[in-house]
Protein backbone atom coordinates (compact mmCIF):
# COMPACT_ATOMS: atom_id res chain seq x y z
CA UNK A 1 71.28 131.82 52.77
CA UNK A 2 72.94 130.07 55.70
CA UNK A 3 74.75 126.81 55.32
CA UNK A 4 73.51 123.98 57.52
CA UNK A 5 75.93 121.74 59.31
CA UNK A 6 75.04 118.06 59.22
CA UNK A 7 76.30 115.64 61.86
CA UNK A 8 76.24 111.90 61.27
CA UNK A 9 76.54 109.54 64.21
CA UNK A 10 77.29 105.84 63.93
CA UNK A 11 76.33 103.44 66.66
CA UNK A 12 77.88 100.01 66.71
CA UNK A 13 76.21 97.25 68.68
CA UNK A 14 77.40 93.82 69.59
CA UNK A 15 74.94 91.11 70.45
CA UNK A 16 75.41 87.73 72.04
CA UNK A 17 72.88 85.02 71.37
CA UNK A 18 72.21 82.51 74.12
CA UNK A 19 71.06 79.16 72.82
CA UNK A 20 69.46 77.11 75.58
CA UNK A 21 69.12 73.53 74.37
CA UNK A 22 67.67 72.40 77.69
CA UNK A 23 64.13 73.46 76.88
CA UNK A 24 61.48 71.47 75.13
CA UNK A 25 59.49 68.33 75.70
CA UNK A 26 61.13 65.72 77.90
CA UNK A 27 61.13 62.34 76.17
CA UNK A 28 63.19 59.22 75.56
CA UNK A 29 65.63 59.16 72.65
CA UNK A 30 66.31 55.56 71.64
CA UNK A 31 69.56 56.43 69.87
CA UNK A 32 70.90 58.34 72.89
CA UNK A 33 69.52 55.70 75.24
CA UNK A 34 68.30 58.27 77.75
CA UNK A 35 65.72 60.93 78.49
CA UNK A 36 66.36 64.03 76.41
CA UNK A 37 64.76 67.33 75.58
CA UNK A 38 62.89 67.15 72.27
CA UNK A 39 61.42 69.86 70.06
CA UNK A 40 59.77 70.26 66.67
CA UNK A 41 61.66 70.57 63.39
CA UNK A 42 61.02 74.30 62.95
CA UNK A 43 61.99 75.19 66.52
CA UNK A 44 65.14 73.06 66.27
CA UNK A 45 66.21 74.84 63.08
CA UNK A 46 65.69 78.22 64.80
CA UNK A 47 67.70 77.09 67.83
CA UNK A 48 70.53 75.87 65.62
CA UNK A 49 70.42 78.89 63.34
CA UNK A 50 70.12 76.76 60.22
CA UNK A 51 67.40 76.25 57.64
CA UNK A 52 64.82 73.49 57.85
CA UNK A 53 66.23 71.90 54.68
CA UNK A 54 69.73 71.71 56.21
CA UNK A 55 68.27 70.19 59.36
CA UNK A 56 66.44 67.55 57.32
CA UNK A 57 69.71 66.66 55.59
CA UNK A 58 71.32 66.15 58.99
CA UNK A 59 68.40 63.98 60.11
CA UNK A 60 68.52 61.90 56.91
CA UNK A 61 72.27 61.34 57.34
CA UNK A 62 71.58 60.15 60.93
CA UNK A 63 73.70 62.94 62.38
CA UNK A 64 70.72 64.28 64.33
CA UNK A 65 68.32 61.98 66.16
CA UNK A 66 64.55 62.15 65.80
CA UNK A 67 61.77 60.66 67.89
CA UNK A 68 58.38 59.75 66.46
CA UNK A 69 55.68 59.87 69.15
CA UNK A 70 52.42 57.98 68.71
CA UNK A 71 50.64 61.13 67.47
CA UNK A 72 52.69 60.99 64.24
CA UNK A 73 54.73 64.16 64.78
CA UNK A 74 58.51 64.28 64.51
CA UNK A 75 60.62 65.64 67.33
CA UNK A 76 64.32 66.45 67.22
CA UNK A 77 66.61 65.22 69.99
CA UNK A 78 68.25 68.44 71.19
CA UNK A 79 71.38 66.84 72.73
CA UNK A 80 72.25 65.24 69.37
CA UNK A 81 71.70 68.57 67.60
CA UNK A 82 73.84 70.40 70.15
CA UNK A 83 76.62 67.81 69.82
CA UNK A 84 76.62 68.12 66.03
CA UNK A 85 76.75 71.92 66.15
CA UNK A 86 79.64 71.89 68.61
CA UNK A 87 81.52 69.21 66.67
CA UNK A 88 81.06 70.76 63.24
CA UNK A 89 81.30 74.38 64.36
CA UNK A 90 78.29 75.29 62.24
CA UNK A 91 75.45 77.74 62.51
CA UNK A 92 75.26 79.73 65.73
CA UNK A 93 78.18 77.97 67.37
CA UNK A 94 80.43 80.95 66.74
CA UNK A 95 82.47 82.87 69.33
CA UNK A 96 79.57 85.20 70.15
CA UNK A 97 77.22 82.37 71.17
CA UNK A 98 76.88 80.76 74.56
CA UNK A 99 75.55 77.20 74.27
CA UNK A 100 74.42 76.52 77.80
CA UNK A 101 75.40 73.40 79.70
CA UNK A 102 73.34 72.23 82.66
């Protein structure tokens, strides 16, 4: 009986996530006082890399702005979310993430 030789190879990958906060619905944020990109709660939590519950806590504490259109939906002001992430250094705002500025 012959002995088999087993070779194990490890592959290490590094990924960089690009978070583009300049996509969404263009609308007016009263708290910012200007036109801003807006998106839904779920999409905003994905962009920020945080859970929906954590995002709601930020909204309730007035750290993140929301806009309520006439259709009754809630939209998150992306510039306020981006500013909070950069200021607090939370979620995806680590060294391997490029938060785009336009």
